[in-house]
Amino acid sequence: MNAALHRSYLYVPAHKARLVEKAYASEADAVVLDLEDAVPPAGKEAARRAAAEILSTTPPKPTYVRVNSPTSGLARDDVRAVARPGLAAVRLPKAEHPQQVREAARWLEEAHSDAACRSSSNPRSESKP
């Protein structure tokens, strides 16, 4: 899937099904399923499962996932769970070192995903597996 820049991205907590539906029905060019700040700790696993399910098919709009930060201990499992056919790219928040982006890109590659990895700190930075 092409990880092009879009005019508008709508971030939505992945575990809130009704909000996800509204995001896909909106005028936004792309949807970002959020597993990070918009999801409380108790909802992280449910959000990851919901995002994986959505991305198992072809969503109606280009779909990105903002995973948890590289230092959270959750990022690797997030990336592996969402590396599905419907994923345009992973957005990696709070990446402080290029190696963290390269590592996330490697996780995508290990999952045989064509999706890109972008740092949310610099959306123009990209690493393709």
Foldseek 3Di string as FASTA:
>chain_A
DALDDFPFEAEDAQLPVVVVVVRLVDPGQEYEHELEDVAPPVCNVSSLQSLLVCQQDARSHQYEYEWYALPPVGRLVSLLSNLHNNHQAYEHEPDDDVVSLVVSLVSSVVSVHQHWYAYPVDRVDIDGD
